[in-house]
Protein backbone atom coordinates (compact mmCIF):
# COMPACT_ATOMS: atom_id res chain seq x y z
CA UNK A 1 0.15 0.24 0.07
CA UNK A 2 1.07 3.45 -0.82
CA UNK A 3 0.85 6.24 1.05
CA UNK A 4 0.62 10.26 0.69
CA UNK A 5 2.97 12.74 2.11
CA UNK A 6 3.57 12.68 6.05
CA UNK A 7 2.38 15.88 7.38
CA UNK A 8 3.64 17.12 10.41
CA UNK A 9 2.27 20.76 12.36
CA UNK A 10 3.57 21.83 15.24
CA UNK A 11 4.03 24.65 17.83
CA UNK A 12 3.95 25.60 20.97
CA UNK A 13 0.63 24.08 22.75
CA UNK A 14 -2.02 26.69 23.18
CA UNK A 15 -5.70 26.91 23.62
CA UNK A 16 -7.79 27.79 21.08
CA UNK A 17 -8.92 31.25 21.86
CA UNK A 18 -5.66 31.90 22.60
CA UNK A 19 -4.02 30.99 19.11
CA UNK A 20 -7.03 32.64 17.79
CA UNK A 21 -6.67 35.59 19.12
CA UNK A 22 -2.40 35.29 18.52
CA UNK A 23 -3.16 35.86 14.71
CA UNK A 24 -4.64 38.71 14.71
CA UNK A 25 -1.68 40.38 16.22
CA UNK A 26 1.38 41.94 13.56
CA UNK A 27 5.19 41.10 14.20
CA UNK A 28 7.96 42.63 13.22
CA UNK A 29 10.91 40.54 11.45
CA UNK A 30 14.24 41.05 11.22
CA UNK A 31 15.83 39.16 9.00
CA UNK A 32 20.28 38.65 9.33
CA UNK A 33 22.33 39.75 8.32
CA UNK A 34 20.72 42.20 6.19
CA UNK A 35 18.90 43.57 9.00
CA UNK A 36 16.21 44.29 6.50
CA UNK A 37 13.21 44.95 9.02
CA UNK A 38 9.37 44.19 8.12
CA UNK A 39 5.80 43.75 9.92
CA UNK A 40 3.36 40.39 9.39
CA UNK A 41 -0.05 40.78 8.72
CA UNK A 42 -2.43 38.74 10.88
CA UNK A 43 -2.66 35.43 9.69
CA UNK A 44 0.16 35.94 7.22
CA UNK A 45 3.75 33.29 7.08
CA UNK A 46 6.67 34.45 7.33
CA UNK A 47 7.29 34.18 3.53
CA UNK A 48 4.26 36.06 2.49
CA UNK A 49 5.24 39.13 4.43
CA UNK A 50 8.70 39.02 3.29
CA UNK A 51 7.60 38.95 -0.07
CA UNK A 52 4.58 42.26 0.45
CA UNK A 53 7.26 44.10 1.68
CA UNK A 54 10.01 43.55 -0.92
CA UNK A 55 11.99 41.29 0.19
CA UNK A 56 12.61 37.76 -1.83
CA UNK A 57 13.32 35.04 0.26
CA UNK A 58 14.35 31.76 -0.96
CA UNK A 59 11.24 29.59 -1.71
CA UNK A 60 9.52 26.98 -4.16
CA UNK A 61 6.78 24.99 -3.80
CA UNK A 62 4.81 27.37 -0.67
CA UNK A 63 3.51 24.53 1.23
CA UNK A 64 6.46 23.35 3.11
CA UNK A 65 7.08 20.48 0.63
CA UNK A 66 10.43 21.16 -1.12
CA UNK A 67 12.86 22.93 1.86
CA UNK A 68 13.45 25.85 -0.43
CA UNK A 69 12.43 28.52 2.26
CA UNK A 70 14.13 26.72 5.33
CA UNK A 71 16.24 29.73 7.29
CA UNK A 72 16.72 29.83 11.07
CA UNK A 73 14.88 31.38 13.81
CA UNK A 74 17.71 33.41 16.46
CA UNK A 75 14.88 34.86 18.98
CA UNK A 76 11.18 34.64 18.49
CA UNK A 77 8.49 31.84 18.33
CA UNK A 78 7.36 30.39 15.64
CA UNK A 79 3.77 28.60 14.84
CA UNK A 80 5.71 25.79 12.32
CA UNK A 81 2.35 25.43 9.88
CA UNK A 82 1.84 22.27 8.06
CA UNK A 83 4.70 20.58 6.61
CA UNK A 84 6.37 17.45 5.08
CA UNK A 85 9.00 15.93 6.97
CA UNK A 86 11.26 15.44 4.03
CA UNK A 87 11.85 19.15 4.13
CA UNK A 88 12.43 19.79 7.91
CA UNK A 89 13.67 17.55 10.25
CA UNK A 90 13.42 16.76 13.86
CA UNK A 91 17.12 17.19 14.14
CA UNK A 92 16.80 20.70 11.76
CA UNK A 93 13.67 22.06 14.66
CA UNK A 94 15.87 21.26 16.96
CA UNK A 95 18.83 23.37 15.77
CA UNK A 96 16.20 26.66 15.26
CA UNK A 97 15.40 25.95 11.31
CA UNK A 98 11.77 26.63 10.37
CA UNK A 99 9.94 26.30 6.55
CA UNK A 100 9.32 30.10 6.24
CA UNK A 101 6.37 29.67 3.61
CA UNK A 102 4.40 27.79 6.23
CA UNK A 103 5.48 29.17 9.27
CA UNK A 104 3.52 32.12 11.30
CA UNK A 105 5.22 34.43 13.73
CA UNK A 106 3.56 34.20 17.45
CA UNK A 107 6.13 37.25 18.48
CA UNK A 108 8.52 39.49 16.92
CA UNK A 109 11.29 37.48 15.50
CA UNK A 110 15.04 37.21 14.66
CA UNK A 111 15.45 34.99 11.53
CA UNK A 112 18.76 34.39 9.21
CA UNK A 113 18.33 33.54 5.93
CA UNK A 114 19.49 33.99 2.39
CA UNK A 115 17.87 37.16 0.32
CA UNK A 116 17.72 37.02 -3.52
CA UNK A 117 18.23 40.36 -4.68
CA UNK A 118 17.84 39.71 -8.34
CA UNK A 119 13.91 38.64 -7.87
CA UNK A 120 13.59 41.86 -5.97
CA UNK A 121 12.39 44.47 -8.47
CA UNK A 122 10.50 42.21 -10.45
CA UNK A 123 6.27 42.81 -9.83
CA UNK A 124 3.95 40.06 -8.89
CA UNK A 125 0.72 40.29 -10.95
CA UNK A 126 -2.41 39.01 -11.77
CA UNK A 127 -3.46 38.93 -15.19
CA UNK A 128 -5.41 37.16 -17.65
CA UNK A 129 -4.10 35.42 -20.73
CA UNK A 130 -5.75 33.30 -23.53
CA UNK A 131 -4.55 29.80 -24.40
CA UNK A 132 -2.82 30.67 -27.92
CA UNK A 133 -1.64 26.98 -28.30
CA UNK A 134 -2.24 23.45 -27.43
CA UNK A 135 0.34 21.05 -28.45
CA UNK A 136 0.33 17.51 -27.54
CA UNK A 137 4.22 16.19 -27.57
CA UNK A 138 4.28 13.29 -25.67
CA UNK A 139 1.65 10.49 -25.00
CA UNK A 140 1.32 12.23 -21.60
CA UNK A 141 2.60 15.87 -22.05
CA UNK A 142 0.88 19.08 -23.04
CA UNK A 143 2.73 22.57 -24.30
CA UNK A 144 0.20 24.55 -23.66
CA UNK A 145 1.40 28.36 -24.77
CA UNK A 146 -0.93 31.81 -23.30
CA UNK A 147 -0.92 35.28 -25.20
CA UNK A 148 -1.08 38.14 -22.28
CA UNK A 149 -3.26 41.26 -23.29
CA UNK A 150 -1.56 43.54 -25.63
CA UNK A 151 -0.76 45.94 -23.40
CA UNK A 152 0.61 43.39 -21.03
CA UNK A 153 4.18 41.55 -20.53
CA UNK A 154 5.61 39.55 -17.64
CA UNK A 155 9.08 40.12 -16.12
CA UNK A 156 10.13 37.39 -15.15
CA UNK A 157 13.71 35.26 -14.00
CA UNK A 158 14.53 32.12 -16.05
CA UNK A 159 13.34 28.75 -14.38
CA UNK A 160 10.74 30.87 -12.02
CA UNK A 161 6.73 29.43 -12.72
CA UNK A 162 3.14 30.78 -12.44
CA UNK A 163 0.09 29.95 -10.86
CA UNK A 164 -2.71 29.20 -12.58
CA UNK A 165 -6.12 30.59 -11.04
CA UNK A 166 -8.88 28.34 -10.59
CA UNK A 167 -12.75 28.81 -10.64
CA UNK A 168 -12.58 27.56 -7.23
CA UNK A 169 -10.46 29.13 -5.97
CA UNK A 170 -7.47 26.72 -5.86
CA UNK A 171 -4.22 27.45 -8.12
CA UNK A 172 -1.81 25.08 -9.76
CA UNK A 173 1.29 25.88 -10.59
CA UNK A 174 3.36 25.26 -13.30
CA UNK A 175 7.16 26.09 -14.56
CA UNK A 176 7.35 28.81 -17.24
CA UNK A 177 9.81 26.69 -20.06
CA UNK A 178 10.82 29.82 -22.32
CA UNK A 179 13.40 31.90 -21.02
CA UNK A 180 12.81 36.11 -20.64
CA UNK A 181 13.70 37.00 -24.27
CA UNK A 182 11.12 34.76 -25.14
CA UNK A 183 8.18 36.22 -23.98
CA UNK A 184 5.23 36.89 -26.38
CA UNK A 185 3.93 33.63 -25.28
CA UNK A 186 4.41 31.99 -21.73
CA UNK A 187 4.66 28.25 -22.41
CA UNK A 188 4.07 25.52 -19.87
CA UNK A 189 4.89 22.00 -19.94
CA UNK A 190 1.80 19.74 -18.57
CA UNK A 191 1.41 16.49 -18.06
CA UNK A 192 -1.67 14.47 -17.55
CA UNK A 193 -2.45 13.28 -13.98
CA UNK A 194 -5.34 10.96 -14.38
CA UNK A 195 -8.34 12.11 -12.37
CA UNK A 196 -6.30 15.51 -12.20
CA UNK A 197 -9.41 18.29 -12.01
CA UNK A 198 -7.28 20.46 -13.88
CA UNK A 199 -5.21 18.31 -16.74
CA UNK A 200 -8.18 16.14 -17.25
CA UNK A 201 -9.41 19.57 -18.28
CA UNK A 202 -6.30 20.54 -20.20
CA UNK A 203 -6.26 17.30 -22.32
CA UNK A 204 -9.73 16.08 -22.98
CA UNK A 205 -11.80 19.98 -22.92
CA UNK A 206 -9.52 22.99 -22.87
CA UNK A 207 -10.16 24.69 -26.26
CA UNK A 208 -7.68 27.30 -28.16
CA UNK A 209 -8.46 30.87 -27.52
CA UNK A 210 -9.93 30.03 -23.61
CA UNK A 211 -9.51 32.60 -20.97
CA UNK A 212 -7.08 31.77 -17.81
CA UNK A 213 -6.33 34.07 -15.11
CA UNK A 214 -2.88 33.40 -13.57
CA UNK A 215 -0.62 34.93 -10.79
CA UNK A 216 3.06 35.31 -11.40
CA UNK A 217 6.13 35.38 -11.21
CA UNK A 218 6.88 33.24 -8.21
CA UNK A 219 9.79 31.31 -7.02
CA UNK A 220 13.46 30.89 -6.66
CA UNK A 221 14.33 28.54 -9.35
CA UNK A 222 16.18 30.71 -11.41
CA UNK A 223 19.98 30.43 -12.86
CA UNK A 224 22.56 32.62 -10.69
CA UNK A 225 24.81 34.21 -13.35
CA UNK A 226 27.34 35.49 -10.66
CA UNK A 227 29.00 32.43 -10.68
CA UNK A 228 31.88 30.76 -13.21
CA UNK A 229 30.99 27.65 -11.79
CA UNK A 230 30.38 24.56 -13.97
CA UNK A 231 26.39 23.72 -13.95
CA UNK A 232 24.85 20.80 -13.72
CA UNK A 233 20.87 20.21 -14.67
CA UNK A 234 18.92 17.30 -13.37
CA UNK A 235 15.46 17.37 -14.60
CA UNK A 236 13.02 14.39 -14.25
CA UNK A 237 9.87 14.52 -16.26
CA UNK A 238 8.51 17.67 -17.00
CA UNK A 239 11.34 19.13 -14.89
CA UNK A 240 12.87 19.86 -18.24
CA UNK A 241 10.45 22.69 -18.11
CA UNK A 242 12.24 25.46 -15.98
CA UNK A 243 15.67 24.11 -17.23
CA UNK A 244 14.73 24.45 -21.10
CA UNK A 245 13.75 28.44 -19.71
CA UNK A 246 17.40 28.15 -18.11
CA UNK A 247 19.53 27.10 -20.46
CA UNK A 248 18.13 29.40 -23.47
CA UNK A 249 18.61 32.40 -21.33
CA UNK A 250 22.07 31.10 -20.75
CA UNK A 251 22.48 30.47 -24.65
CA UNK A 252 21.06 33.78 -25.40
CA UNK A 253 23.14 36.25 -23.12
CA UNK A 254 26.44 33.54 -23.94
CA UNK A 255 27.23 31.89 -20.90
CA UNK A 256 29.90 30.23 -21.51
CA UNK A 257 30.48 27.87 -18.08
CA UNK A 258 30.39 24.58 -18.58
CA UNK A 259 26.86 23.04 -18.72
CA UNK A 260 25.61 19.56 -18.33
CA UNK A 261 21.55 18.26 -18.67
CA UNK A 262 20.95 14.97 -17.16
CA UNK A 263 17.23 14.27 -18.40
CA UNK A 264 15.77 11.74 -16.37
CA UNK A 265 12.61 9.89 -17.51
CA UNK A 266 10.89 5.98 -17.40
CA UNK A 267 11.30 5.01 -20.74
CA UNK A 268 11.41 6.73 -24.20
CA UNK A 269 8.01 7.93 -25.19
CA UNK A 270 8.27 9.83 -21.77
CA UNK A 271 11.28 11.75 -23.34
CA UNK A 272 9.03 14.28 -24.88
CA UNK A 273 11.46 16.86 -26.53
CA UNK A 274 14.80 14.77 -26.66
CA UNK A 275 15.55 17.04 -30.25
CA UNK A 276 15.96 20.13 -28.64
CA UNK A 277 18.47 19.38 -26.16
CA UNK A 278 20.15 16.84 -28.41
CA UNK A 279 20.15 20.41 -31.48
CA UNK A 280 21.56 22.57 -28.05
CA UNK A 281 24.41 19.75 -28.05
CA UNK A 282 24.97 20.73 -31.82
CA UNK A 283 25.52 24.19 -31.74
CA UNK A 284 27.38 24.98 -28.37
CA UNK A 285 30.20 23.55 -27.73
CA UNK A 286 29.98 24.02 -23.58
CA UNK A 287 26.57 21.96 -23.51
CA UNK A 288 26.34 18.18 -23.05
CA UNK A 289 23.17 16.19 -23.36
CA UNK A 290 22.66 12.76 -21.03
CA UNK A 291 19.42 11.08 -21.42
CA UNK A 292 18.70 8.72 -18.71
CA UNK A 293 15.46 6.27 -18.39
CA UNK A 294 14.92 4.42 -15.59
CA UNK A 295 12.79 1.51 -16.97
CA UNK A 296 13.13 1.28 -20.94
CA UNK A 297 10.92 -0.62 -22.55
CA UNK A 298 12.47 -3.93 -24.94
CA UNK A 299 10.94 -2.01 -27.74
CA UNK A 300 12.95 1.34 -26.99
CA UNK A 301 16.23 -0.55 -28.04
CA UNK A 302 18.11 2.11 -25.61
CA UNK A 303 22.01 2.13 -26.38
CA UNK A 304 22.24 4.93 -23.15
CA UNK A 305 22.57 5.50 -19.89
CA UNK A 306 19.82 3.86 -17.31
CA UNK A 307 18.98 3.93 -13.57
CA UNK A 308 18.16 6.86 -11.27
CA UNK A 309 19.18 10.38 -12.40
CA UNK A 310 21.76 11.15 -9.44
CA UNK A 311 23.68 7.80 -9.84
CA UNK A 312 24.33 8.81 -13.32
CA UNK A 313 25.81 12.26 -12.29
CA UNK A 314 27.90 10.49 -10.05
CA UNK A 315 28.88 8.02 -12.25
CA UNK A 316 30.25 10.87 -14.04
CA UNK A 317 31.38 13.23 -11.15
CA UNK A 318 32.94 12.11 -8.26
CA UNK A 319 33.82 14.96 -6.29
CA UNK A 320 31.41 18.15 -6.82
CA UNK A 321 33.13 20.64 -5.33
CA UNK A 322 33.68 22.62 -7.75
CA UNK A 323 30.00 22.51 -9.41
CA UNK A 324 26.60 24.41 -8.76
CA UNK A 325 23.71 22.20 -9.47
CA UNK A 326 19.88 22.71 -10.56
CA UNK A 327 17.12 20.08 -10.11
CA UNK A 328 14.24 20.40 -10.93
CA UNK A 329 11.16 17.08 -10.96
CA UNK A 330 9.90 14.98 -7.99
CA UNK A 331 10.06 15.36 -4.34
CA UNK A 332 11.95 12.35 -3.93
CA UNK A 333 14.51 12.93 -7.09
CA UNK A 334 15.42 16.28 -5.44
CA UNK A 335 15.60 14.93 -2.12
CA UNK A 336 18.25 12.16 -3.30
CA UNK A 337 20.12 14.45 -5.52
CA UNK A 338 20.25 17.28 -2.83
CA UNK A 339 22.01 14.48 -0.11
CA UNK A 340 23.73 12.24 -2.88
CA UNK A 341 25.31 15.39 -4.28
CA UNK A 342 26.67 17.11 -0.72
CA UNK A 343 27.89 13.94 0.44
CA UNK A 344 29.89 14.31 -2.57
CA UNK A 345 31.22 17.35 -1.84
CA UNK A 346 28.92 19.95 -3.18
CA UNK A 347 28.29 22.91 -1.22
CA UNK A 348 24.54 22.82 0.26
CA UNK A 349 24.25 26.48 -0.67
CA UNK A 350 25.24 25.56 -4.60
CA UNK A 351 22.34 22.99 -4.63
CA UNK A 352 18.94 25.07 -6.24
CA UNK A 353 15.54 22.42 -6.38
CA UNK A 354 12.46 23.33 -7.39
CA UNK A 355 10.11 20.30 -6.80
CA UNK A 356 6.68 19.28 -7.94
CA UNK A 357 4.77 19.00 -5.10
CA UNK A 358 0.76 17.79 -4.40
CA UNK A 359 -1.21 19.25 -1.83
CA UNK A 360 -4.99 20.17 -1.43
CA UNK A 361 -5.32 23.37 -2.83
CA UNK A 362 -1.41 23.58 -4.83
CA UNK A 363 -0.49 21.25 -7.44
CA UNK A 364 3.13 22.13 -8.87
CA UNK A 365 4.02 20.63 -12.01
């Protein structure tokens, strides 16, 4: 029997009345080492308040699953919120760590975390868009091209995502697969989830010219350009989408760092756009493409690499101390990559990730 993610909700024990009064209050949060200060509104998480005040803290899923928003509590009390155990261990909590995307302050707080200057000036917008094109590129992958109103453009960093806003108030999150310079349309890669409300609609009912609403850009998964380290891109399935945007941006801006893409799927038919990275490999001498199949079919006649993507990387690179890694895929793949790569010398601050996560109100896909 399989089970969904284990969720944890914790915080100081308080009565129901105490807790309802707590979240009516505003608290002051100070960030170390920048000394930036902002105030929270009632019911806001630390991340929500920071973003509203213009301070770009790292984040990915926004639902306590990926760990990108993890930071340290120096002083103050927090309600840890609901999160997955894989994103915040009991040992990390004991060391003062918390997930700021779900944690709500219970007092004034002093926290320590990274800030992302590159995203600071980008405005998060809520906009309508029109489905310009629907293209089924694999048995279970649809590429959507979305057109914004004539007087609008979305400023974003390669690798960020948008939230599609559904009529029932729920959201579905999808990575932007196009680079910022190529912004006539927004490109999304959507994998069909059997029984999934939105993906069933996309694959069976959605027509071109349909109108959608979205919020974005969101997320802190984007290419850090202030480094000269070689880059390892690790994608699982439609995790190729944001990495495609990053690579197109890198090629467009002339980044000459060594870049290698490991793209893992189950079987050959799941490798839905192999001709694109194959063409990049021919065009750009600083880029290599290594597809990896975990369960190739006999009819695939697959001559290439097999197994899990993290193992494929480690078969090629024993020492990762001089690299940057960008990983996107399932939480299990991302977490395995993080753990194994750090064990092989990768500095933890050089691992950037976006995990596709499932929750009641949010779907990363």
